[in-house]
Amino acid sequence: MSGLHGRGSRGVELSRWLGIDDSVTGLWIGGLTVSLILWTIDWFNRKNIRFWGKKIIIALGYYALIVLPLYFLNIIRLSLPRYETFCGCGLNKMLVGIVAGSIAFYIGALTYDILKEKNNGHAHFPFEKSSSPSPARYFKYCVLFFNKVI
């Protein structure tokens, strides 16, 4: 494996070793980050912990905890050769994947909330909450595939 140091980079190292593109790894990192943010906000709400800017502070905190180590380990770099960028336009593949995964997972979570609200607060079928982000996940894979990223 490459010469990256630090335990936080082992998952990215393994995905690169397996031949998984950084944009796909970023999709999963972004989805997991949004999931952690939503779980944490829900936990704070259930414990009745309230403070000013709770949602923004939690979101910024999680993204800082995830993106900054990747930046300092040179996994996310700002100046890249053209062949290492998303569609050759200068954007880091992993960073584009994190943003796309975050947006897609958040849209999936909102979709579940809307469907649940329309069904009197109940899910339509078992495990609807975990399956509702799936269409968004497949859409982002299609977008990356047809942009010749995967």
C-alpha atoms as a PDB file:
ATOM      1  CA  MET A   1       0.000   0.000   0.000  1.00  0.00           C
ATOM      2  CA  SER A   2       1.036   3.576  -0.413  1.00  0.00           C
ATOM      3  CA  GLY A   3       3.071   5.521   2.066  1.00  0.00           C
ATOM      4  CA  LEU A   4       0.189   7.276   3.810  1.00  0.00           C
ATOM      5  CA  HIS A   5       0.522   7.561   7.546  1.00  0.00           C
ATOM      6  CA  GLY A   6      -2.144   7.534  10.188  1.00  0.00           C
ATOM      7  CA  ARG A   7      -4.927   5.172  11.059  1.00  0.00           C
ATOM      8  CA  GLY A   8      -7.611   7.411   9.549  1.00  0.00           C
ATOM      9  CA  SER A   9      -6.263   6.815   6.052  1.00  0.00           C
ATOM     10  CA  ARG A  10      -6.341   3.006   6.193  1.00  0.00           C
ATOM     11  CA  GLY A  11      -9.869   2.772   4.766  1.00  0.00           C
ATOM     12  CA  VAL A  12      -8.991   5.074   1.870  1.00  0.00           C
ATOM     13  CA  GLU A  13      -5.756   3.165   1.331  1.00  0.00           C
ATOM     14  CA  LEU A  14      -7.642  -0.125   1.213  1.00  0.00           C
ATOM     15  CA  SER A  15     -10.223   1.205  -1.229  1.00  0.00           C
ATOM     16  CA  ARG A  16      -7.456   2.494  -3.506  1.00  0.00           C
ATOM     17  CA  TRP A  17      -5.648  -0.847  -3.263  1.00  0.00           C
ATOM     18  CA  LEU A  18      -8.897  -2.604  -4.264  1.00  0.00           C
ATOM     19  CA  GLY A  19      -9.184  -0.263  -7.259  1.00  0.00           C
ATOM     20  CA  ILE A  20     -12.188   1.704  -5.994  1.00  0.00           C
ATOM     21  CA  ASP A  21     -12.195   5.234  -7.351  1.00  0.00           C
ATOM     22  CA  ASP A  22     -11.856   8.090  -4.848  1.00  0.00           C
ATOM     23  CA  SER A  23     -15.177   9.574  -5.967  1.00  0.00           C
ATOM     24  CA  VAL A  24     -17.019   6.383  -4.990  1.00  0.00           C
ATOM     25  CA  THR A  25     -15.218   6.296  -1.654  1.00  0.00           C
ATOM     26  CA  GLY A  26     -16.219   9.932  -1.191  1.00  0.00           C
ATOM     27  CA  LEU A  27     -19.875   9.061  -1.886  1.00  0.00           C
ATOM     28  CA  TRP A  28     -19.882   6.658   1.039  1.00  0.00           C
ATOM     29  CA  ILE A  29     -17.945   9.055   3.275  1.00  0.00           C
ATOM     30  CA  GLY A  30     -20.459  11.813   2.520  1.00  0.00           C
ATOM     31  CA  GLY A  31     -23.447   9.553   3.147  1.00  0.00           C
ATOM     32  CA  LEU A  32     -21.996   8.313   6.418  1.00  0.00           C
ATOM     33  CA  THR A  33     -21.244  11.877   7.510  1.00  0.00           C
ATOM     34  CA  VAL A  34     -24.828  13.028   6.921  1.00  0.00           C
ATOM     35  CA  SER A  35     -26.070   9.931   8.704  1.00  0.00           C
ATOM     36  CA  LEU A  36     -23.883  10.711  11.725  1.00  0.00           C
ATOM     37  CA  ILE A  37     -25.076  14.322  11.723  1.00  0.00           C
ATOM     38  CA  LEU A  38     -28.736  13.296  11.653  1.00  0.00           C
ATOM     39  CA  TRP A  39     -28.243  10.655  14.356  1.00  0.00           C
ATOM     40  CA  THR A  40     -26.451  13.137  16.597  1.00  0.00           C
ATOM     41  CA  ILE A  41     -29.116  15.814  16.151  1.00  0.00           C
ATOM     42  CA  ASP A  42     -31.817  13.233  16.887  1.00  0.00           C
ATOM     43  CA  TRP A  43     -29.940  12.089  20.010  1.00  0.00           C
ATOM     44  CA  PHE A  44     -29.626  15.685  21.258  1.00  0.00           C
ATOM     45  CA  ASN A  45     -33.349  16.211  20.641  1.00  0.00           C
ATOM     46  CA  ARG A  46     -34.315  13.025  22.521  1.00  0.00           C
ATOM     47  CA  LYS A  47     -32.117  14.050  25.476  1.00  0.00           C
ATOM     48  CA  ASN A  48     -33.726  17.511  25.345  1.00  0.00           C
ATOM     49  CA  ILE A  49     -30.334  19.194  24.885  1.00  0.00           C
ATOM     50  CA  ARG A  50     -30.819  22.559  23.218  1.00  0.00           C
ATOM     51  CA  PHE A  51     -28.360  25.285  22.319  1.00  0.00           C
ATOM     52  CA  TRP A  52     -28.006  28.003  19.722  1.00  0.00           C
ATOM     53  CA  GLY A  53     -26.818  26.802  16.299  1.00  0.00           C
ATOM     54  CA  LYS A  54     -26.945  23.125  17.271  1.00  0.00           C
ATOM     55  CA  LYS A  55     -27.458  21.769  13.749  1.00  0.00           C
ATOM     56  CA  ILE A  56     -24.802  23.949  12.131  1.00  0.00           C
ATOM     57  CA  ILE A  57     -22.239  23.296  14.877  1.00  0.00           C
ATOM     58  CA  ILE A  58     -22.787  19.531  14.694  1.00  0.00           C
ATOM     59  CA  ALA A  59     -22.559  19.499  10.882  1.00  0.00           C
ATOM     60  CA  LEU A  60     -19.420  21.657  10.762  1.00  0.00           C
ATOM     61  CA  GLY A  61     -17.861  19.590  13.537  1.00  0.00           C
ATOM     62  CA  TYR A  62     -18.376  16.290  11.739  1.00  0.00           C
ATOM     63  CA  TYR A  63     -17.163  17.608   8.393  1.00  0.00           C
ATOM     64  CA  ALA A  64     -14.098  19.101  10.095  1.00  0.00           C
ATOM     65  CA  LEU A  65     -13.385  15.780  11.840  1.00  0.00           C
ATOM     66  CA  ILE A  66     -13.610  13.916   8.546  1.00  0.00           C
ATOM     67  CA  VAL A  67     -12.288  16.272   5.861  1.00  0.00           C
ATOM     68  CA  LEU A  68      -9.407  17.960   7.723  1.00  0.00           C
ATOM     69  CA  PRO A  69      -7.492  14.725   8.482  1.00  0.00           C
ATOM     70  CA  LEU A  70      -7.900  13.677   4.844  1.00  0.00           C
ATOM     71  CA  TYR A  71      -6.547  17.075   3.792  1.00  0.00           C
ATOM     72  CA  PHE A  72      -3.575  16.974   6.165  1.00  0.00           C
ATOM     73  CA  LEU A  73      -2.743  13.420   5.039  1.00  0.00           C
ATOM     74  CA  ASN A  74      -2.704  14.710   1.415  1.00  0.00           C
ATOM     75  CA  ILE A  75      -5.590  12.451   0.417  1.00  0.00           C
ATOM     76  CA  ILE A  76      -7.663  15.508  -0.473  1.00  0.00           C
ATOM     77  CA  ARG A  77      -5.353  17.882  -2.322  1.00  0.00           C
ATOM     78  CA  LEU A  78      -6.220  21.203  -3.878  1.00  0.00           C
ATOM     79  CA  SER A  79      -3.660  21.188  -6.688  1.00  0.00           C
ATOM     80  CA  LEU A  80      -3.821  17.994  -8.696  1.00  0.00           C
ATOM     81  CA  PRO A  81      -2.648  16.776 -12.078  1.00  0.00           C
ATOM     82  CA  ARG A  82      -5.457  16.813 -14.652  1.00  0.00           C
ATOM     83  CA  TYR A  83      -5.784  12.984 -14.736  1.00  0.00           C
ATOM     84  CA  GLU A  84      -6.466  12.815 -10.969  1.00  0.00           C
ATOM     85  CA  THR A  85      -9.359  15.259 -11.003  1.00  0.00           C
ATOM     86  CA  PHE A  86     -13.111  14.865 -11.420  1.00  0.00           C
ATOM     87  CA  CYS A  87     -13.900  15.023 -15.165  1.00  0.00           C
ATOM     88  CA  GLY A  88     -10.572  16.793 -15.719  1.00  0.00           C
ATOM     89  CA  CYS A  89     -11.941  20.084 -14.397  1.00  0.00           C
ATOM     90  CA  GLY A  90      -9.621  20.535 -11.406  1.00  0.00           C
ATOM     91  CA  LEU A  91     -11.927  19.293  -8.637  1.00  0.00           C
ATOM     92  CA  ASN A  92     -10.673  16.618  -6.272  1.00  0.00           C
ATOM     93  CA  LYS A  93     -12.529  13.336  -6.863  1.00  0.00           C
ATOM     94  CA  MET A  94     -12.927  12.494  -3.197  1.00  0.00           C
ATOM     95  CA  LEU A  95     -14.173  15.960  -2.297  1.00  0.00           C
ATOM     96  CA  VAL A  96     -16.707  15.860  -5.147  1.00  0.00           C
ATOM     97  CA  GLY A  97     -17.800  12.420  -3.933  1.00  0.00           C
ATOM     98  CA  ILE A  98     -18.204  13.632  -0.347  1.00  0.00           C
ATOM     99  CA  VAL A  99     -20.362  16.562  -1.457  1.00  0.00           C
ATOM    100  CA  ALA A 100     -22.456  14.411  -3.840  1.00  0.00           C
ATOM    101  CA  GLY A 101     -22.883  11.661  -1.248  1.00  0.00           C
ATOM    102  CA  SER A 102     -23.901  14.161   1.402  1.00  0.00           C
ATOM    103  CA  ILE A 103     -26.498  15.807  -0.828  1.00  0.00           C
ATOM    104  CA  ALA A 104     -27.909  12.497  -2.080  1.00  0.00           C
ATOM    105  CA  PHE A 105     -28.178  10.972   1.391  1.00  0.00           C
ATOM    106  CA  TYR A 106     -29.815  14.108   2.774  1.00  0.00           C
ATOM    107  CA  ILE A 107     -32.374  14.070  -0.061  1.00  0.00           C
ATOM    108  CA  GLY A 108     -33.082  10.407   0.724  1.00  0.00           C
ATOM    109  CA  ALA A 109     -33.566  11.189   4.412  1.00  0.00           C
ATOM    110  CA  LEU A 110     -35.917  14.074   3.572  1.00  0.00           C
ATOM    111  CA  THR A 111     -37.868  11.791   1.251  1.00  0.00           C
ATOM    112  CA  TYR A 112     -38.372   9.311   4.082  1.00  0.00           C
ATOM    113  CA  ASP A 113     -39.567  12.062   6.427  1.00  0.00           C
ATOM    114  CA  ILE A 114     -42.077  13.310   3.841  1.00  0.00           C
ATOM    115  CA  LEU A 115     -43.386   9.798   3.127  1.00  0.00           C
ATOM    116  CA  LYS A 116     -43.680   9.030   6.825  1.00  0.00           C
ATOM    117  CA  GLU A 117     -45.522  12.298   7.491  1.00  0.00           C
ATOM    118  CA  LYS A 118     -48.032  11.535   4.723  1.00  0.00           C
ATOM    119  CA  ASN A 119     -48.670   8.091   6.264  1.00  0.00           C
ATOM    120  CA  ASN A 120     -49.674   9.440   9.702  1.00  0.00           C
ATOM    121  CA  GLY A 121     -46.195   9.072  11.187  1.00  0.00           C
ATOM    122  CA  HIS A 122     -45.737   5.416  10.232  1.00  0.00           C
ATOM    123  CA  ALA A 123     -43.447   3.788   7.713  1.00  0.00           C
ATOM    124  CA  HIS A 124     -45.112   2.198   4.685  1.00  0.00           C
ATOM    125  CA  PHE A 125     -43.073  -1.005   5.020  1.00  0.00           C
ATOM    126  CA  PRO A 126     -40.383  -2.433   7.327  1.00  0.00           C
ATOM    127  CA  PHE A 127     -36.908  -0.892   6.889  1.00  0.00           C
ATOM    128  CA  GLU A 128     -38.248   1.967   4.779  1.00  0.00           C
ATOM    129  CA  LYS A 129     -35.901   4.348   6.573  1.00  0.00           C
ATOM    130  CA  SER A 130     -32.822   2.429   5.435  1.00  0.00           C
ATOM    131  CA  SER A 131     -34.083   1.815   1.902  1.00  0.00           C
ATOM    132  CA  SER A 132     -35.368   5.313   1.087  1.00  0.00           C
ATOM    133  CA  PRO A 133     -31.881   6.740   0.370  1.00  0.00           C
ATOM    134  CA  SER A 134     -31.237   3.916  -2.141  1.00  0.00           C
ATOM    135  CA  PRO A 135     -32.686   5.651  -5.243  1.00  0.00           C
ATOM    136  CA  ALA A 136     -30.502   8.679  -4.550  1.00  0.00           C
ATOM    137  CA  ARG A 137     -27.496   6.381  -4.110  1.00  0.00           C
ATOM    138  CA  TYR A 138     -28.144   4.664  -7.452  1.00  0.00           C
ATOM    139  CA  PHE A 139     -28.650   8.018  -9.154  1.00  0.00           C
ATOM    140  CA  LYS A 140     -25.274   9.307  -8.002  1.00  0.00           C
ATOM    141  CA  TYR A 141     -23.588   6.087  -9.186  1.00  0.00           C
ATOM    142  CA  CYS A 142     -25.179   6.570 -12.612  1.00  0.00           C
ATOM    143  CA  VAL A 143     -24.008  10.184 -12.778  1.00  0.00           C
ATOM    144  CA  LEU A 144     -20.449   9.160 -11.924  1.00  0.00           C
ATOM    145  CA  PHE A 145     -20.551   6.219 -14.321  1.00  0.00           C
ATOM    146  CA  PHE A 146     -21.719   8.246 -17.283  1.00  0.00           C
ATOM    147  CA  ASN A 147     -19.102  10.901 -16.526  1.00  0.00           C
ATOM    148  CA  LYS A 148     -16.484   8.152 -16.968  1.00  0.00           C
ATOM    149  CA  VAL A 149     -15.348   8.426 -13.352  1.00  0.00           C
ATOM    150  CA  ILE A 150     -15.927   4.834 -12.307  1.00  0.00           C
END
